Amino acid sequence: MQWFVILASGEVTPAQRQAFAAWLVANPAHARQWEAVSRFQGMLQGMPSQAAGQALRGRGARGPRGPVRTSRRQVLALLLVAGAGALCYDRRHTYLALTADQRSAVGERRELVLPDGSRLVLDSDSAVDIRFADGLRRLVLRRGAIMVETAHLAAWAEQPFYVDTAQGRVQALGTRFVVRQEASPGWRQAGRSRVEVMAGAVRITPARNAVGSALVGQGQQAVFDDVTVGAVAALDPNTQAWTQGMLIARERPLGDLLAELGRYRPGLLQVDDAVAQIPVNGVFPLEDTDRVLAALEHAFPIRIQRHTRYWTRVVAVVQKKSGQP
């Protein structure tokens, strides 16, 4: 957390920035730690600006002799403690995923047959518990995404099929569907889950609002948190291509495409804003992400910079000046 404090201080020297870049690529664990801290920084952006500004400027509550000033050291100590807490919270989810019944590695896609004959596919870096007991067929999604295709064997017909996430419960109503656990969008906000239904229907019930359930039918999708279910929208059929080991793009911005591709390779995959909006069309194999990057580099005015095995950047090709050989 030392780098969190240094970069948050607002007094970073060029030498410190260079040292931070060297630290980031020195070990894959450093990149993972910084990803967790970055998510925490994103949460801080949603804090009330007045409270955050007063703390960082050292203007707090008034005492009997005037305003109580907060020193820079106190502010940085507060950031250190809060950041450490966020990192521990992030690792709590990692520990739950590591102890799950079934897991997939980064870049791996796993297919299983459940005790009732249902088909289960785990996306890259996903984890799920299988709880078939007490008259229920139940999956608990710990991380990532799963595709479920329920079986219709008579012996299991009386047992409902559920997928539970941190935000609520998805009940299958004779169906094929995807459930994805997504990251928290901001400060003090719970994460969210996304459901995509390819066949049949599901019923979504938020964890803290039992009467706020919603039905999502074939060809539809919805996002929900622990209180509400968002508007039901039409489903993009290309989003399930991962179940076949493919990534399909139809006029998709390069930045979005690479964000998705990054989930299937270890380390950081970054893209410069200058090329992030280039529209891309194509079908790409997920089992070889380096091959995909090479194809993109050949087709577009971009260059792939590989700083280490775990840090890759996609940047614009530098155009030669007129008259330059």
C-alpha atoms as a PDB file:
ATOM      1  CA  MET A   1       0.000   0.000   0.000  1.00  0.00           C
ATOM      2  CA  GLN A   2       3.048   2.333   0.018  1.00  0.00           C
ATOM      3  CA  TRP A   3       2.443   3.295  -3.616  1.00  0.00           C
ATOM      4  CA  PHE A   4      -1.199   4.060  -2.882  1.00  0.00           C
ATOM      5  CA  VAL A   5      -0.117   6.643  -0.300  1.00  0.00           C
ATOM      6  CA  ILE A   6       2.605   8.146  -2.506  1.00  0.00           C
ATOM      7  CA  LEU A   7       0.414   8.540  -5.587  1.00  0.00           C
ATOM      8  CA  ALA A   8      -2.496   9.908  -3.541  1.00  0.00           C
ATOM      9  CA  SER A   9      -0.310  12.592  -1.977  1.00  0.00           C
ATOM     10  CA  GLY A  10      -0.308  14.806  -5.075  1.00  0.00           C
ATOM     11  CA  GLU A  11       3.456  15.303  -4.735  1.00  0.00           C
ATOM     12  CA  VAL A  12       4.821  12.599  -7.014  1.00  0.00           C
ATOM     13  CA  THR A  13       8.191  13.152  -8.638  1.00  0.00           C
ATOM     14  CA  PRO A  14       9.134  11.796 -12.100  1.00  0.00           C
ATOM     15  CA  ALA A  15      11.586   9.433 -10.400  1.00  0.00           C
ATOM     16  CA  GLN A  16       8.805   8.051  -8.196  1.00  0.00           C
ATOM     17  CA  ARG A  17       6.556   7.498 -11.219  1.00  0.00           C
ATOM     18  CA  GLN A  18       9.367   5.633 -12.940  1.00  0.00           C
ATOM     19  CA  ALA A  19       9.968   3.531  -9.829  1.00  0.00           C
ATOM     20  CA  PHE A  20       6.239   2.751  -9.600  1.00  0.00           C
ATOM     21  CA  ALA A  21       6.190   1.551 -13.225  1.00  0.00           C
ATOM     22  CA  ALA A  22       9.176  -0.722 -12.503  1.00  0.00           C
ATOM     23  CA  TRP A  23       7.475  -2.111  -9.384  1.00  0.00           C
ATOM     24  CA  LEU A  24       4.249  -2.764 -11.298  1.00  0.00           C
ATOM     25  CA  VAL A  25       5.902  -5.021 -13.870  1.00  0.00           C
ATOM     26  CA  ALA A  26       8.370  -6.701 -11.507  1.00  0.00           C
ATOM     27  CA  ASN A  27       5.881  -9.281 -10.253  1.00  0.00           C
ATOM     28  CA  PRO A  28       2.412 -10.425 -11.429  1.00  0.00           C
ATOM     29  CA  ALA A  29       1.218 -10.172  -7.812  1.00  0.00           C
ATOM     30  CA  HIS A  30       1.964  -6.441  -7.876  1.00  0.00           C
ATOM     31  CA  ALA A  31      -0.353  -5.955 -10.845  1.00  0.00           C
ATOM     32  CA  ARG A  32      -3.137  -7.859  -9.091  1.00  0.00           C
ATOM     33  CA  GLN A  33      -2.683  -5.805  -5.927  1.00  0.00           C
ATOM     34  CA  TRP A  34      -2.790  -2.555  -7.862  1.00  0.00           C
ATOM     35  CA  GLU A  35      -5.967  -3.661  -9.664  1.00  0.00           C
ATOM     36  CA  ALA A  36      -7.637  -4.038  -6.256  1.00  0.00           C
ATOM     37  CA  VAL A  37      -6.391  -0.625  -5.151  1.00  0.00           C
ATOM     38  CA  SER A  38      -7.593   0.918  -8.424  1.00  0.00           C
ATOM     39  CA  ARG A  39     -11.079  -0.443  -7.805  1.00  0.00           C
ATOM     40  CA  PHE A  40     -10.968   1.174  -4.381  1.00  0.00           C
ATOM     41  CA  GLN A  41      -9.919   4.483  -5.923  1.00  0.00           C
ATOM     42  CA  GLY A  42     -12.899   4.246  -8.236  1.00  0.00           C
ATOM     43  CA  MET A  43     -15.127   3.805  -5.212  1.00  0.00           C
ATOM     44  CA  LEU A  44     -13.620   6.936  -3.637  1.00  0.00           C
ATOM     45  CA  GLN A  45     -14.646   8.942  -6.670  1.00  0.00           C
ATOM     46  CA  GLY A  46     -18.266   8.431  -5.672  1.00  0.00           C
ATOM     47  CA  MET A  47     -17.813   9.914  -2.204  1.00  0.00           C
ATOM     48  CA  PRO A  48     -19.473  13.270  -1.477  1.00  0.00           C
ATOM     49  CA  SER A  49     -17.064  15.848  -2.874  1.00  0.00           C
ATOM     50  CA  GLN A  50     -17.462  18.276   0.051  1.00  0.00           C
ATOM     51  CA  ALA A  51     -16.403  15.683   2.625  1.00  0.00           C
ATOM     52  CA  ALA A  52     -13.522  14.437   0.495  1.00  0.00           C
ATOM     53  CA  GLY A  53     -12.354  17.963  -0.291  1.00  0.00           C
ATOM     54  CA  GLN A  54     -12.384  19.055   3.346  1.00  0.00           C
ATOM     55  CA  ALA A  55     -10.328  16.055   4.369  1.00  0.00           C
ATOM     56  CA  LEU A  56      -7.729  16.488   1.641  1.00  0.00           C
ATOM     57  CA  ARG A  57      -7.448  20.250   2.191  1.00  0.00           C
ATOM     58  CA  GLY A  58      -7.156  19.803   5.950  1.00  0.00           C
ATOM     59  CA  ARG A  59     -10.403  21.670   6.770  1.00  0.00           C
ATOM     60  CA  GLY A  60     -12.545  19.605   9.062  1.00  0.00           C
ATOM     61  CA  ALA A  61     -14.882  20.238  11.958  1.00  0.00           C
ATOM     62  CA  ARG A  62     -14.591  23.304  14.186  1.00  0.00           C
ATOM     63  CA  GLY A  63     -13.222  22.940  17.662  1.00  0.00           C
ATOM     64  CA  PRO A  64     -13.561  25.293  20.656  1.00  0.00           C
ATOM     65  CA  ARG A  65     -10.621  27.385  19.361  1.00  0.00           C
ATOM     66  CA  GLY A  66     -11.513  27.390  15.662  1.00  0.00           C
ATOM     67  CA  PRO A  67     -11.213  24.957  12.772  1.00  0.00           C
ATOM     68  CA  VAL A  68      -9.519  21.662  13.489  1.00  0.00           C
ATOM     69  CA  ARG A  69      -6.842  21.162  10.833  1.00  0.00           C
ATOM     70  CA  THR A  70      -5.964  17.720   9.570  1.00  0.00           C
ATOM     71  CA  SER A  71      -2.326  17.216   8.714  1.00  0.00           C
ATOM     72  CA  ARG A  72      -1.200  15.659   5.449  1.00  0.00           C
ATOM     73  CA  ARG A  73       0.271  12.790   7.439  1.00  0.00           C
ATOM     74  CA  GLN A  74      -3.120  12.091   9.025  1.00  0.00           C
ATOM     75  CA  VAL A  75      -4.835  12.162   5.641  1.00  0.00           C
ATOM     76  CA  LEU A  76      -2.312   9.760   4.143  1.00  0.00           C
ATOM     77  CA  ALA A  77      -2.606   7.484   7.165  1.00  0.00           C
ATOM     78  CA  LEU A  78      -6.370   7.453   6.675  1.00  0.00           C
ATOM     79  CA  LEU A  79      -5.935   6.594   3.003  1.00  0.00           C
ATOM     80  CA  LEU A  80      -3.511   3.822   3.918  1.00  0.00           C
ATOM     81  CA  VAL A  81      -5.922   2.231   6.398  1.00  0.00           C
ATOM     82  CA  ALA A  82      -8.889   2.575   4.046  1.00  0.00           C
ATOM     83  CA  GLY A  83      -6.932   1.219   1.111  1.00  0.00           C
ATOM     84  CA  ALA A  84      -5.695  -1.745   3.143  1.00  0.00           C
ATOM     85  CA  GLY A  85      -9.254  -2.433   4.183  1.00  0.00           C
ATOM     86  CA  ALA A  86     -10.404  -2.362   0.561  1.00  0.00           C
ATOM     87  CA  LEU A  87      -7.603  -4.722  -0.421  1.00  0.00           C
ATOM     88  CA  CYS A  88      -8.548  -7.160   2.354  1.00  0.00           C
ATOM     89  CA  TYR A  89     -12.189  -6.977   1.267  1.00  0.00           C
ATOM     90  CA  ASP A  90     -11.161  -7.744  -2.290  1.00  0.00           C
ATOM     91  CA  ARG A  91      -9.084 -10.699  -1.123  1.00  0.00           C
ATOM     92  CA  ARG A  92     -12.037 -12.018   0.876  1.00  0.00           C
ATOM     93  CA  HIS A  93     -13.816 -12.655  -2.414  1.00  0.00           C
ATOM     94  CA  THR A  94     -10.645 -14.224  -3.783  1.00  0.00           C
ATOM     95  CA  TYR A  95     -10.462 -16.621  -0.840  1.00  0.00           C
ATOM     96  CA  LEU A  96     -14.125 -17.600  -1.335  1.00  0.00           C
ATOM     97  CA  ALA A  97     -13.429 -18.297  -4.993  1.00  0.00           C
ATOM     98  CA  LEU A  98     -10.342 -20.371  -4.164  1.00  0.00           C
ATOM     99  CA  THR A  99     -12.388 -22.632  -1.881  1.00  0.00           C
ATOM    100  CA  ALA A 100     -15.279 -23.051  -4.349  1.00  0.00           C
ATOM    101  CA  ASP A 101     -16.314 -26.506  -5.519  1.00  0.00           C
ATOM    102  CA  GLN A 102     -15.430 -25.802  -9.152  1.00  0.00           C
ATOM    103  CA  ARG A 103     -13.043 -23.195 -10.579  1.00  0.00           C
ATOM    104  CA  SER A 104     -11.585 -22.192 -13.927  1.00  0.00           C
ATOM    105  CA  ALA A 105      -8.219 -20.539 -14.502  1.00  0.00           C
ATOM    106  CA  VAL A 106      -7.669 -17.317 -16.438  1.00  0.00           C
ATOM    107  CA  GLY A 107      -8.215 -18.159 -20.105  1.00  0.00           C
ATOM    108  CA  GLU A 108      -9.804 -21.523 -19.328  1.00  0.00           C
ATOM    109  CA  ARG A 109     -13.354 -22.598 -20.197  1.00  0.00           C
ATOM    110  CA  ARG A 110     -14.690 -25.628 -18.319  1.00  0.00           C
ATOM    111  CA  GLU A 111     -17.771 -27.731 -19.021  1.00  0.00           C
ATOM    112  CA  LEU A 112     -19.408 -29.976 -16.417  1.00  0.00           C
ATOM    113  CA  VAL A 113     -22.476 -32.183 -16.119  1.00  0.00           C
ATOM    114  CA  LEU A 114     -24.391 -31.641 -12.876  1.00  0.00           C
ATOM    115  CA  PRO A 115     -25.970 -34.470 -10.824  1.00  0.00           C
ATOM    116  CA  ASP A 116     -29.381 -33.847 -12.454  1.00  0.00           C
ATOM    117  CA  GLY A 117     -27.931 -33.979 -15.955  1.00  0.00           C
ATOM    118  CA  SER A 118     -27.858 -30.196 -16.426  1.00  0.00           C
ATOM    119  CA  ARG A 119     -24.943 -28.685 -18.359  1.00  0.00           C
ATOM    120  CA  LEU A 120     -22.690 -26.125 -16.678  1.00  0.00           C
ATOM    121  CA  VAL A 121     -20.003 -24.066 -18.454  1.00  0.00           C
ATOM    122  CA  LEU A 122     -17.568 -21.884 -16.482  1.00  0.00           C
ATOM    123  CA  ASP A 123     -16.124 -18.808 -18.162  1.00  0.00           C
ATOM    124  CA  SER A 124     -12.532 -17.658 -17.675  1.00  0.00           C
ATOM    125  CA  ASP A 125     -11.491 -17.061 -14.036  1.00  0.00           C
ATOM    126  CA  SER A 126     -14.811 -18.215 -12.555  1.00  0.00           C
ATOM    127  CA  ALA A 127     -15.801 -20.105  -9.426  1.00  0.00           C
ATOM    128  CA  VAL A 128     -19.021 -21.789  -8.331  1.00  0.00           C
ATOM    129  CA  ASP A 129     -20.327 -23.939  -5.485  1.00  0.00           C
ATOM    130  CA  ILE A 130     -22.676 -26.833  -6.266  1.00  0.00           C
ATOM    131  CA  ARG A 131     -25.337 -27.381  -3.603  1.00  0.00           C
ATOM    132  CA  PHE A 132     -27.805 -30.107  -4.534  1.00  0.00           C
ATOM    133  CA  ALA A 133     -29.482 -30.895  -1.202  1.00  0.00           C
ATOM    134  CA  ASP A 134     -32.645 -30.392   0.851  1.00  0.00           C
ATOM    135  CA  GLY A 135     -34.913 -30.595  -2.177  1.00  0.00           C
ATOM    136  CA  LEU A 136     -33.092 -27.841  -4.064  1.00  0.00           C
ATOM    137  CA  ARG A 137     -30.783 -27.734  -7.067  1.00  0.00           C
ATOM    138  CA  ARG A 138     -28.634 -24.742  -6.202  1.00  0.00           C
ATOM    139  CA  LEU A 139     -25.473 -23.132  -7.566  1.00  0.00           C
ATOM    140  CA  VAL A 140     -23.619 -20.303  -5.807  1.00  0.00           C
ATOM    141  CA  LEU A 141     -21.642 -18.111  -8.193  1.00  0.00           C
ATOM    142  CA  ARG A 142     -18.552 -16.815  -6.397  1.00  0.00           C
ATOM    143  CA  ARG A 143     -16.780 -15.135  -9.299  1.00  0.00           C
ATOM    144  CA  GLY A 144     -16.936 -14.735 -13.048  1.00  0.00           C
ATOM    145  CA  ALA A 145     -19.698 -16.182 -15.200  1.00  0.00           C
ATOM    146  CA  ILE A 146     -21.474 -19.467 -15.841  1.00  0.00           C
ATOM    147  CA  MET A 147     -23.816 -20.789 -18.508  1.00  0.00           C
ATOM    148  CA  VAL A 148     -26.491 -23.236 -17.379  1.00  0.00           C
ATOM    149  CA  GLU A 149     -28.628 -25.476 -19.549  1.00  0.00           C
ATOM    150  CA  THR A 150     -31.098 -27.224 -17.281  1.00  0.00           C
ATOM    151  CA  ALA A 151     -32.068 -30.861 -17.755  1.00  0.00           C
ATOM    152  CA  HIS A 152     -35.654 -32.063 -17.641  1.00  0.00           C
ATOM    153  CA  LEU A 153     -35.371 -35.484 -16.028  1.00  0.00           C
ATOM    154  CA  ALA A 154     -38.580 -36.556 -14.287  1.00  0.00           C
ATOM    155  CA  ALA A 155     -36.699 -37.581 -11.123  1.00  0.00           C
ATOM    156  CA  TRP A 156     -35.654 -33.943 -10.552  1.00  0.00           C
ATOM    157  CA  ALA A 157     -38.757 -32.167 -11.810  1.00  0.00           C
ATOM    158  CA  GLU A 158     -40.038 -31.262  -8.331  1.00  0.00           C
ATOM    159  CA  GLN A 159     -36.767 -29.689  -7.231  1.00  0.00           C
ATOM    160  CA  PRO A 160     -36.395 -25.999  -8.232  1.00  0.00           C
ATOM    161  CA  PHE A 161     -33.134 -24.867  -9.829  1.00  0.00           C
ATOM    162  CA  TYR A 162     -31.469 -21.708  -8.451  1.00  0.00           C
ATOM    163  CA  VAL A 163     -28.315 -19.731  -9.083  1.00  0.00           C
ATOM    164  CA  ASP A 164     -27.401 -17.481  -6.155  1.00  0.00           C
ATOM    165  CA  THR A 165     -25.057 -14.511  -6.409  1.00  0.00           C
ATOM    166  CA  ALA A 166     -24.021 -11.877  -3.873  1.00  0.00           C
ATOM    167  CA  GLN A 167     -26.946  -9.755  -5.100  1.00  0.00           C
ATOM    168  CA  GLY A 168     -29.812 -12.226  -5.157  1.00  0.00           C
ATOM    169  CA  ARG A 169     -31.324 -15.357  -6.642  1.00  0.00           C
ATOM    170  CA  VAL A 170     -32.014 -16.460 -10.203  1.00  0.00           C
ATOM    171  CA  GLN A 171     -34.611 -19.226 -10.611  1.00  0.00           C
ATOM    172  CA  ALA A 172     -34.502 -21.243 -13.820  1.00  0.00           C
ATOM    173  CA  LEU A 173     -37.844 -21.913 -15.461  1.00  0.00           C
ATOM    174  CA  GLY A 174     -36.799 -24.599 -17.916  1.00  0.00           C
ATOM    175  CA  THR A 175     -34.058 -22.687 -19.631  1.00  0.00           C
ATOM    176  CA  ARG A 176     -30.570 -21.956 -20.946  1.00  0.00           C
ATOM    177  CA  PHE A 177     -29.024 -18.819 -19.477  1.00  0.00           C
ATOM    178  CA  VAL A 178     -25.858 -17.010 -18.367  1.00  0.00           C
ATOM    179  CA  VAL A 179     -25.250 -15.427 -14.963  1.00  0.00           C
ATOM    180  CA  ARG A 180     -22.306 -13.062 -14.570  1.00  0.00           C
ATOM    181  CA  GLN A 181     -20.995 -11.551 -11.325  1.00  0.00           C
ATOM    182  CA  GLU A 182     -19.891  -7.986 -12.067  1.00  0.00           C
ATOM    183  CA  ALA A 183     -17.733  -5.576 -10.074  1.00  0.00           C
ATOM    184  CA  SER A 184     -19.031  -2.892  -7.730  1.00  0.00           C
ATOM    185  CA  PRO A 185     -19.816   0.330  -9.673  1.00  0.00           C
ATOM    186  CA  GLY A 186     -19.005   2.842  -6.930  1.00  0.00           C
ATOM    187  CA  TRP A 187     -18.648   3.957  -3.352  1.00  0.00           C
ATOM    188  CA  ARG A 188     -20.897   2.151  -0.871  1.00  0.00           C
ATOM    189  CA  GLN A 189     -22.675   0.415  -3.713  1.00  0.00           C
ATOM    190  CA  ALA A 190     -23.069  -3.318  -3.815  1.00  0.00           C
ATOM    191  CA  GLY A 191     -21.863  -5.139  -6.878  1.00  0.00           C
ATOM    192  CA  ARG A 192     -24.278  -6.325  -9.471  1.00  0.00           C
ATOM    193  CA  SER A 193     -25.124  -9.415 -11.474  1.00  0.00           C
ATOM    194  CA  ARG A 194     -26.163  -9.790 -15.102  1.00  0.00           C
ATOM    195  CA  VAL A 195     -28.510 -12.439 -16.482  1.00  0.00           C
ATOM    196  CA  GLU A 196     -28.804 -13.322 -20.179  1.00  0.00           C
ATOM    197  CA  VAL A 197     -31.521 -15.756 -21.269  1.00  0.00           C
ATOM    198  CA  MET A 198     -31.100 -17.724 -24.497  1.00  0.00           C
ATOM    199  CA  ALA A 199     -34.021 -20.144 -24.011  1.00  0.00           C
ATOM    200  CA  GLY A 200     -36.958 -20.418 -21.608  1.00  0.00           C
ATOM    201  CA  ALA A 201     -37.150 -17.856 -18.811  1.00  0.00           C
ATOM    202  CA  VAL A 202     -35.772 -17.009 -15.353  1.00  0.00           C
ATOM    203  CA  ARG A 203     -37.076 -15.142 -12.341  1.00  0.00           C
ATOM    204  CA  ILE A 204     -34.709 -12.724 -10.575  1.00  0.00           C
ATOM    205  CA  THR A 205     -35.232 -11.915  -6.881  1.00  0.00           C
ATOM    206  CA  PRO A 206     -32.909  -9.343  -5.237  1.00  0.00           C
ATOM    207  CA  ALA A 207     -31.425 -10.428  -1.908  1.00  0.00           C
ATOM    208  CA  ARG A 208     -32.947  -7.505   0.049  1.00  0.00           C
ATOM    209  CA  ASN A 209     -36.236  -7.121  -1.790  1.00  0.00           C
ATOM    210  CA  ALA A 210     -38.204 -10.346  -1.992  1.00  0.00           C
ATOM    211  CA  VAL A 211     -41.235  -8.612  -3.554  1.00  0.00           C
ATOM    212  CA  GLY A 212     -39.132  -6.895  -6.220  1.00  0.00           C
ATOM    213  CA  SER A 213     -38.688  -9.922  -8.458  1.00  0.00           C
ATOM    214  CA  ALA A 214     -38.769  -9.739 -12.254  1.00  0.00           C
ATOM    215  CA  LEU A 215     -39.282 -12.244 -15.061  1.00  0.00           C
ATOM    216  CA  VAL A 216     -36.723 -12.309 -17.885  1.00  0.00           C
ATOM    217  CA  GLY A 217     -37.681 -14.276 -20.974  1.00  0.00           C
ATOM    218  CA  GLN A 218     -35.969 -15.772 -23.987  1.00  0.00           C
ATOM    219  CA  GLY A 219     -33.853 -13.273 -25.917  1.00  0.00           C
ATOM    220  CA  GLN A 220     -33.721 -10.854 -22.985  1.00  0.00           C
ATOM    221  CA  GLN A 221     -31.221  -9.716 -20.365  1.00  0.00           C
ATOM    222  CA  ALA A 222     -31.238  -7.731 -17.127  1.00  0.00           C
ATOM    223  CA  VAL A 223     -28.840  -6.390 -14.517  1.00  0.00           C
ATOM    224  CA  PHE A 224     -29.697  -6.461 -10.812  1.00  0.00           C
ATOM    225  CA  ASP A 225     -28.233  -5.465  -7.466  1.00  0.00           C
ATOM    226  CA  ASP A 226     -29.334  -6.550  -4.000  1.00  0.00           C
ATOM    227  CA  VAL A 227     -32.397  -4.256  -4.066  1.00  0.00           C
ATOM    228  CA  THR A 228     -33.633  -3.741  -7.614  1.00  0.00           C
ATOM    229  CA  VAL A 229     -33.773  -5.373 -11.020  1.00  0.00           C
ATOM    230  CA  GLY A 230     -32.935  -3.034 -13.883  1.00  0.00           C
ATOM    231  CA  ALA A 231     -34.914  -2.652 -17.065  1.00  0.00           C
ATOM    232  CA  VAL A 232     -35.235  -5.805 -19.137  1.00  0.00           C
ATOM    233  CA  ALA A 233     -33.511  -5.309 -22.497  1.00  0.00           C
ATOM    234  CA  ALA A 234     -33.017  -7.209 -25.739  1.00  0.00           C
ATOM    235  CA  LEU A 235     -30.162  -9.693 -25.709  1.00  0.00           C
ATOM    236  CA  ASP A 236     -27.153  -9.442 -28.000  1.00  0.00           C
ATOM    237  CA  PRO A 237     -26.663 -13.070 -29.110  1.00  0.00           C
ATOM    238  CA  ASN A 238     -22.961 -12.463 -29.751  1.00  0.00           C
ATOM    239  CA  THR A 239     -22.257 -12.064 -26.029  1.00  0.00           C
ATOM    240  CA  GLN A 240     -22.630 -15.824 -25.453  1.00  0.00           C
ATOM    241  CA  ALA A 241     -19.977 -16.726 -28.033  1.00  0.00           C
ATOM    242  CA  TRP A 242     -17.542 -17.341 -25.154  1.00  0.00           C
ATOM    243  CA  THR A 243     -19.369 -20.606 -24.443  1.00  0.00           C
ATOM    244  CA  GLN A 244     -17.978 -21.792 -27.798  1.00  0.00           C
ATOM    245  CA  GLY A 245     -14.543 -20.311 -27.159  1.00  0.00           C
ATOM    246  CA  MET A 246     -15.076 -17.329 -29.454  1.00  0.00           C
ATOM    247  CA  LEU A 247     -15.319 -13.546 -29.181  1.00  0.00           C
ATOM    248  CA  ILE A 248     -17.523 -11.859 -31.808  1.00  0.00           C
ATOM    249  CA  ALA A 249     -17.325  -8.150 -32.575  1.00  0.00           C
ATOM    250  CA  ARG A 250     -19.829  -6.137 -34.616  1.00  0.00           C
ATOM    251  CA  GLU A 251     -18.718  -2.496 -34.858  1.00  0.00           C
ATOM    252  CA  ARG A 252     -17.349  -2.868 -31.332  1.00  0.00           C
ATOM    253  CA  PRO A 253     -14.932  -0.200 -30.059  1.00  0.00           C
ATOM    254  CA  LEU A 254     -11.402  -1.560 -29.787  1.00  0.00           C
ATOM    255  CA  GLY A 255     -11.192  -0.522 -26.127  1.00  0.00           C
ATOM    256  CA  ASP A 256     -14.285  -2.559 -25.228  1.00  0.00           C
ATOM    257  CA  LEU A 257     -13.049  -5.532 -27.230  1.00  0.00           C
ATOM    258  CA  LEU A 258      -9.664  -5.507 -25.490  1.00  0.00           C
ATOM    259  CA  ALA A 259     -11.303  -5.138 -22.069  1.00  0.00           C
ATOM    260  CA  GLU A 260     -13.193  -8.343 -22.791  1.00  0.00           C
ATOM    261  CA  LEU A 261     -10.133 -10.056 -24.254  1.00  0.00           C
ATOM    262  CA  GLY A 262      -8.141  -9.103 -21.165  1.00  0.00           C
ATOM    263  CA  ARG A 263     -10.286 -11.411 -19.039  1.00  0.00           C
ATOM    264  CA  TYR A 264      -8.828 -14.361 -20.949  1.00  0.00           C
ATOM    265  CA  ARG A 265      -5.142 -13.623 -20.410  1.00  0.00           C
ATOM    266  CA  PRO A 266      -3.038 -13.083 -17.251  1.00  0.00           C
ATOM    267  CA  GLY A 267      -1.758  -9.654 -16.274  1.00  0.00           C
ATOM    268  CA  LEU A 268      -2.735  -6.221 -17.574  1.00  0.00           C
ATOM    269  CA  LEU A 269      -3.916  -5.442 -21.098  1.00  0.00           C
ATOM    270  CA  GLN A 270      -4.144  -1.667 -21.563  1.00  0.00           C
ATOM    271  CA  VAL A 271      -5.245   0.428 -24.543  1.00  0.00           C
ATOM    272  CA  ASP A 272      -4.507   4.095 -25.237  1.00  0.00           C
ATOM    273  CA  ASP A 273      -7.469   6.443 -25.564  1.00  0.00           C
ATOM    274  CA  ALA A 274      -6.203   7.470 -29.010  1.00  0.00           C
ATOM    275  CA  VAL A 275      -7.192   4.085 -30.480  1.00  0.00           C
ATOM    276  CA  ALA A 276      -9.908   2.941 -28.066  1.00  0.00           C
ATOM    277  CA  GLN A 277     -12.803   3.996 -30.318  1.00  0.00           C
ATOM    278  CA  ILE A 278     -11.670   2.223 -33.500  1.00  0.00           C
ATOM    279  CA  PRO A 279     -14.628   0.029 -34.609  1.00  0.00           C
ATOM    280  CA  VAL A 280     -13.809  -3.663 -34.957  1.00  0.00           C
ATOM    281  CA  ASN A 281     -15.609  -6.483 -36.761  1.00  0.00           C
ATOM    282  CA  GLY A 282     -14.570 -10.099 -36.597  1.00  0.00           C
ATOM    283  CA  VAL A 283     -14.625 -13.490 -34.911  1.00  0.00           C
ATOM    284  CA  PHE A 284     -11.675 -14.169 -32.608  1.00  0.00           C
ATOM    285  CA  PRO A 285     -10.557 -17.400 -30.867  1.00  0.00           C
ATOM    286  CA  LEU A 286     -10.217 -17.004 -27.110  1.00  0.00           C
ATOM    287  CA  GLU A 287      -7.749 -19.843 -26.651  1.00  0.00           C
ATOM    288  CA  ASP A 288      -4.937 -17.780 -28.216  1.00  0.00           C
ATOM    289  CA  THR A 289      -5.141 -14.121 -27.198  1.00  0.00           C
ATOM    290  CA  ASP A 290      -1.646 -13.353 -28.549  1.00  0.00           C
ATOM    291  CA  ARG A 291      -2.861 -14.456 -31.970  1.00  0.00           C
ATOM    292  CA  VAL A 292      -5.835 -12.107 -31.651  1.00  0.00           C
ATOM    293  CA  LEU A 293      -3.556  -9.184 -30.750  1.00  0.00           C
ATOM    294  CA  ALA A 294      -1.324  -9.956 -33.720  1.00  0.00           C
ATOM    295  CA  ALA A 295      -4.331  -9.973 -36.062  1.00  0.00           C
ATOM    296  CA  LEU A 296      -5.544  -6.634 -34.706  1.00  0.00           C
ATOM    297  CA  GLU A 297      -2.075  -5.134 -35.075  1.00  0.00           C
ATOM    298  CA  HIS A 298      -1.997  -6.268 -38.708  1.00  0.00           C
ATOM    299  CA  ALA A 299      -5.466  -4.868 -39.482  1.00  0.00           C
ATOM    300  CA  PHE A 300      -5.371  -1.497 -37.696  1.00  0.00           C
ATOM    301  CA  PRO A 301      -2.905   1.380 -37.155  1.00  0.00           C
ATOM    302  CA  ILE A 302      -1.916   0.119 -33.715  1.00  0.00           C
ATOM    303  CA  ARG A 303       1.206  -1.294 -32.133  1.00  0.00           C
ATOM    304  CA  ILE A 304       1.416  -3.951 -29.422  1.00  0.00           C
ATOM    305  CA  GLN A 305       3.949  -3.090 -26.706  1.00  0.00           C
ATOM    306  CA  ARG A 306       4.931  -6.042 -24.523  1.00  0.00           C
ATOM    307  CA  HIS A 307       6.753  -4.700 -21.474  1.00  0.00           C
ATOM    308  CA  THR A 308       6.643  -8.070 -19.703  1.00  0.00           C
ATOM    309  CA  ARG A 309       4.607 -11.245 -20.000  1.00  0.00           C
ATOM    310  CA  TYR A 310       2.085  -9.651 -17.638  1.00  0.00           C
ATOM    311  CA  TRP A 311       1.912  -6.091 -18.999  1.00  0.00           C
ATOM    312  CA  THR A 312       0.799  -5.395 -22.565  1.00  0.00           C
ATOM    313  CA  ARG A 313      -0.153  -2.016 -24.032  1.00  0.00           C
ATOM    314  CA  VAL A 314      -1.941  -1.244 -27.285  1.00  0.00           C
ATOM    315  CA  VAL A 315      -0.917   2.158 -28.656  1.00  0.00           C
ATOM    316  CA  ALA A 316      -1.312   4.155 -31.859  1.00  0.00           C
ATOM    317  CA  VAL A 317       1.251   3.810 -34.598  1.00  0.00           C
ATOM    318  CA  VAL A 318       3.407   6.930 -34.710  1.00  0.00           C
ATOM    319  CA  GLN A 319       2.937   8.537 -38.123  1.00  0.00           C
ATOM    320  CA  LYS A 320       6.079   9.618 -39.899  1.00  0.00           C
ATOM    321  CA  LYS A 321       6.409  13.323 -40.621  1.00  0.00           C
ATOM    322  CA  SER A 322       6.334  14.531 -44.215  1.00  0.00           C
ATOM    323  CA  GLY A 323       9.760  14.179 -45.842  1.00  0.00           C
ATOM    324  CA  GLN A 324      10.945  11.715 -43.191  1.00  0.00           C
ATOM    325  CA  PRO A 325      12.517   8.548 -44.700  1.00  0.00           C
END
